[in-house]
Amino acid sequence: MLLFRSEEHVDRWLQREHLERGGVLSPEQLWRLARAWYATRMEPDWRRWTPDEAQELFDGLGLTGRFWQLRR
């Protein structure tokens, strides 16, 4: 994970490093994703998210675009 101060900063870094843009989240989006992703992590019956469950979570949080599409 890399932290940037603005979208423009992301764009400059990508151009300098010759990379394509991946998933970019605001701090609020990151917090919502982390809360949902790890909500049950400490429970005794915890199990990994299935790809379908993870996709539903991403969709429900409004995380769209190619980066957030899991192969089904």
N, C-alpha and C. Protein backbone atom coordinates (compact mmCIF):
# COMPACT_ATOMS: atom_id res chain seq x y z
N MET A 1 0.85 -1.16 0.00
CA MET A 1 0.00 0.00 0.00
C MET A 1 0.89 1.23 0.00
N LEU A 2 0.55 2.15 -0.84
CA LEU A 2 1.24 3.43 -0.90
C LEU A 2 0.26 4.54 -0.56
N LEU A 3 0.73 5.53 0.14
CA LEU A 3 -0.10 6.67 0.51
C LEU A 3 0.34 7.89 -0.27
N PHE A 4 -0.64 8.61 -0.79
CA PHE A 4 -0.39 9.83 -1.56
C PHE A 4 -1.26 10.94 -1.01
N ARG A 5 -0.83 12.17 -1.23
CA ARG A 5 -1.59 13.30 -0.69
C ARG A 5 -2.69 13.79 -1.62
N SER A 6 -2.66 13.35 -2.89
CA SER A 6 -3.69 13.80 -3.83
C SER A 6 -3.70 12.90 -5.06
N GLU A 7 -4.77 13.00 -5.85
CA GLU A 7 -4.85 12.28 -7.12
C GLU A 7 -3.72 12.71 -8.06
N GLU A 8 -3.40 14.00 -8.04
CA GLU A 8 -2.33 14.51 -8.88
C GLU A 8 -0.99 13.89 -8.50
N HIS A 9 -0.78 13.71 -7.21
CA HIS A 9 0.45 13.07 -6.73
C HIS A 9 0.51 11.63 -7.22
N VAL A 10 -0.62 10.92 -7.18
CA VAL A 10 -0.68 9.55 -7.71
C VAL A 10 -0.29 9.55 -9.18
N ASP A 11 -0.90 10.45 -9.96
CA ASP A 11 -0.65 10.50 -11.39
C ASP A 11 0.81 10.79 -11.70
N ARG A 12 1.43 11.71 -10.99
CA ARG A 12 2.85 12.02 -11.20
C ARG A 12 3.73 10.81 -10.89
N TRP A 13 3.43 10.13 -9.80
CA TRP A 13 4.20 8.95 -9.41
C TRP A 13 4.06 7.84 -10.45
N LEU A 14 2.84 7.60 -10.91
CA LEU A 14 2.62 6.57 -11.93
C LEU A 14 3.39 6.87 -13.21
N GLN A 15 3.35 8.12 -13.61
CA GLN A 15 4.06 8.51 -14.83
C GLN A 15 5.56 8.33 -14.65
N ARG A 16 6.09 8.75 -13.54
CA ARG A 16 7.52 8.63 -13.27
C ARG A 16 7.96 7.16 -13.22
N GLU A 17 7.13 6.30 -12.65
CA GLU A 17 7.48 4.88 -12.50
C GLU A 17 7.04 4.02 -13.68
N HIS A 18 6.35 4.63 -14.65
CA HIS A 18 5.86 3.92 -15.83
C HIS A 18 4.94 2.76 -15.44
N LEU A 19 3.98 3.06 -14.58
CA LEU A 19 3.03 2.07 -14.10
C LEU A 19 1.60 2.47 -14.44
N GLU A 20 0.73 1.48 -14.47
CA GLU A 20 -0.70 1.74 -14.67
C GLU A 20 -1.37 1.93 -13.32
N ARG A 21 -2.43 2.70 -13.32
CA ARG A 21 -3.18 2.95 -12.10
C ARG A 21 -3.90 1.68 -11.67
N GLY A 22 -3.83 1.39 -10.40
CA GLY A 22 -4.54 0.26 -9.83
C GLY A 22 -5.73 0.77 -9.03
N GLY A 23 -5.97 0.20 -7.87
CA GLY A 23 -7.05 0.66 -7.02
C GLY A 23 -6.59 1.83 -6.17
N VAL A 24 -7.30 2.91 -6.24
CA VAL A 24 -6.99 4.10 -5.45
C VAL A 24 -8.18 4.37 -4.54
N LEU A 25 -7.93 4.42 -3.25
CA LEU A 25 -8.98 4.62 -2.25
C LEU A 25 -8.73 5.89 -1.46
N SER A 26 -9.81 6.54 -1.08
CA SER A 26 -9.71 7.64 -0.12
C SER A 26 -9.51 7.01 1.26
N PRO A 27 -9.05 7.78 2.24
CA PRO A 27 -8.94 7.21 3.59
C PRO A 27 -10.28 6.65 4.10
N GLU A 28 -11.37 7.31 3.77
CA GLU A 28 -12.68 6.84 4.21
C GLU A 28 -13.03 5.49 3.57
N GLN A 29 -12.76 5.35 2.28
CA GLN A 29 -13.03 4.09 1.61
C GLN A 29 -12.15 2.97 2.18
N LEU A 30 -10.90 3.28 2.43
CA LEU A 30 -9.99 2.30 3.02
C LEU A 30 -10.49 1.85 4.38
N TRP A 31 -10.95 2.79 5.19
CA TRP A 31 -11.47 2.45 6.52
C TRP A 31 -12.70 1.54 6.41
N ARG A 32 -13.62 1.87 5.50
CA ARG A 32 -14.81 1.03 5.34
C ARG A 32 -14.44 -0.38 4.86
N LEU A 33 -13.51 -0.46 3.93
CA LEU A 33 -13.07 -1.76 3.44
C LEU A 33 -12.40 -2.57 4.55
N ALA A 34 -11.50 -1.95 5.28
CA ALA A 34 -10.80 -2.66 6.35
C ALA A 34 -11.76 -3.14 7.44
N ARG A 35 -12.70 -2.28 7.82
CA ARG A 35 -13.67 -2.68 8.85
C ARG A 35 -14.47 -3.89 8.41
N ALA A 36 -14.94 -3.87 7.16
CA ALA A 36 -15.74 -4.99 6.66
C ALA A 36 -14.87 -6.24 6.47
N TRP A 37 -13.69 -6.07 5.90
CA TRP A 37 -12.83 -7.20 5.57
C TRP A 37 -12.39 -7.96 6.83
N TYR A 38 -12.07 -7.22 7.88
CA TYR A 38 -11.53 -7.84 9.10
C TYR A 38 -12.56 -7.98 10.23
N ALA A 39 -13.81 -7.72 9.95
CA ALA A 39 -14.84 -7.69 11.00
C ALA A 39 -14.91 -8.99 11.79
N THR A 40 -14.73 -10.12 11.15
CA THR A 40 -14.87 -11.41 11.84
C THR A 40 -13.54 -12.14 12.00
N ARG A 41 -12.45 -11.47 11.73
CA ARG A 41 -11.14 -12.13 11.69
C ARG A 41 -10.76 -12.80 13.01
N MET A 42 -11.16 -12.27 14.13
CA MET A 42 -10.77 -12.83 15.42
C MET A 42 -11.75 -13.86 15.97
N GLU A 43 -12.78 -14.17 15.23
CA GLU A 43 -13.76 -15.15 15.70
C GLU A 43 -13.24 -16.57 15.46
N PRO A 44 -13.56 -17.49 16.37
CA PRO A 44 -13.03 -18.86 16.27
C PRO A 44 -13.40 -19.57 14.97
N ASP A 45 -14.55 -19.26 14.39
CA ASP A 45 -14.96 -19.95 13.16
C ASP A 45 -14.63 -19.15 11.90
N TRP A 46 -13.69 -18.21 12.01
CA TRP A 46 -13.32 -17.39 10.86
C TRP A 46 -12.82 -18.27 9.72
N ARG A 47 -13.14 -17.85 8.52
CA ARG A 47 -12.60 -18.48 7.31
C ARG A 47 -12.37 -17.39 6.27
N ARG A 48 -11.56 -17.71 5.32
CA ARG A 48 -11.28 -16.75 4.25
C ARG A 48 -12.54 -16.42 3.46
N TRP A 49 -12.54 -15.22 2.91
CA TRP A 49 -13.63 -14.83 2.01
C TRP A 49 -13.52 -15.67 0.75
N THR A 50 -14.63 -16.11 0.22
CA THR A 50 -14.62 -16.74 -1.10
C THR A 50 -14.53 -15.61 -2.13
N PRO A 51 -14.11 -15.91 -3.35
CA PRO A 51 -14.09 -14.86 -4.38
C PRO A 51 -15.45 -14.20 -4.57
N ASP A 52 -16.53 -14.98 -4.54
CA ASP A 52 -17.87 -14.40 -4.71
C ASP A 52 -18.22 -13.48 -3.54
N GLU A 53 -17.88 -13.88 -2.32
CA GLU A 53 -18.14 -13.03 -1.15
C GLU A 53 -17.33 -11.74 -1.21
N ALA A 54 -16.08 -11.87 -1.60
CA ALA A 54 -15.23 -10.68 -1.71
C ALA A 54 -15.77 -9.73 -2.78
N GLN A 55 -16.22 -10.29 -3.90
CA GLN A 55 -16.78 -9.46 -4.96
C GLN A 55 -18.02 -8.74 -4.47
N GLU A 56 -18.87 -9.43 -3.73
CA GLU A 56 -20.07 -8.79 -3.17
C GLU A 56 -19.68 -7.65 -2.23
N LEU A 57 -18.65 -7.86 -1.42
CA LEU A 57 -18.19 -6.82 -0.52
C LEU A 57 -17.69 -5.61 -1.31
N PHE A 58 -16.83 -5.84 -2.30
CA PHE A 58 -16.33 -4.74 -3.12
C PHE A 58 -17.48 -3.98 -3.78
N ASP A 59 -18.40 -4.73 -4.37
CA ASP A 59 -19.55 -4.10 -5.03
C ASP A 59 -20.37 -3.29 -4.04
N GLY A 60 -20.61 -3.85 -2.85
CA GLY A 60 -21.40 -3.17 -1.83
C GLY A 60 -20.75 -1.90 -1.31
N LEU A 61 -19.43 -1.85 -1.38
CA LEU A 61 -18.71 -0.65 -0.93
C LEU A 61 -18.50 0.34 -2.08
N GLY A 62 -19.03 0.00 -3.25
CA GLY A 62 -18.88 0.90 -4.39
C GLY A 62 -17.50 0.87 -5.01
N LEU A 63 -16.75 -0.20 -4.78
CA LEU A 63 -15.42 -0.34 -5.36
C LEU A 63 -15.60 -1.00 -6.73
N THR A 64 -15.55 -0.18 -7.75
CA THR A 64 -15.83 -0.65 -9.10
C THR A 64 -14.60 -0.44 -9.96
N GLY A 65 -14.69 -0.90 -11.16
CA GLY A 65 -13.58 -0.76 -12.09
C GLY A 65 -12.82 -2.07 -12.21
N ARG A 66 -11.96 -2.11 -13.19
CA ARG A 66 -11.22 -3.34 -13.52
C ARG A 66 -10.42 -3.88 -12.33
N PHE A 67 -9.81 -3.01 -11.55
CA PHE A 67 -8.99 -3.46 -10.42
C PHE A 67 -9.79 -4.29 -9.43
N TRP A 68 -11.05 -3.93 -9.23
CA TRP A 68 -11.88 -4.57 -8.20
C TRP A 68 -12.68 -5.75 -8.72
N GLN A 69 -12.53 -6.09 -9.97
CA GLN A 69 -13.28 -7.23 -10.53
C GLN A 69 -12.45 -8.50 -10.36
N LEU A 70 -12.97 -9.44 -9.59
CA LEU A 70 -12.30 -10.71 -9.39
C LEU A 70 -12.69 -11.67 -10.50
N ARG A 71 -11.77 -12.50 -10.87
CA ARG A 71 -12.08 -13.50 -11.89
C ARG A 71 -13.04 -14.52 -11.30
N ARG A 72 -14.07 -14.81 -12.03
CA ARG A 72 -15.07 -15.80 -11.57
C ARG A 72 -14.99 -17.03 -12.42
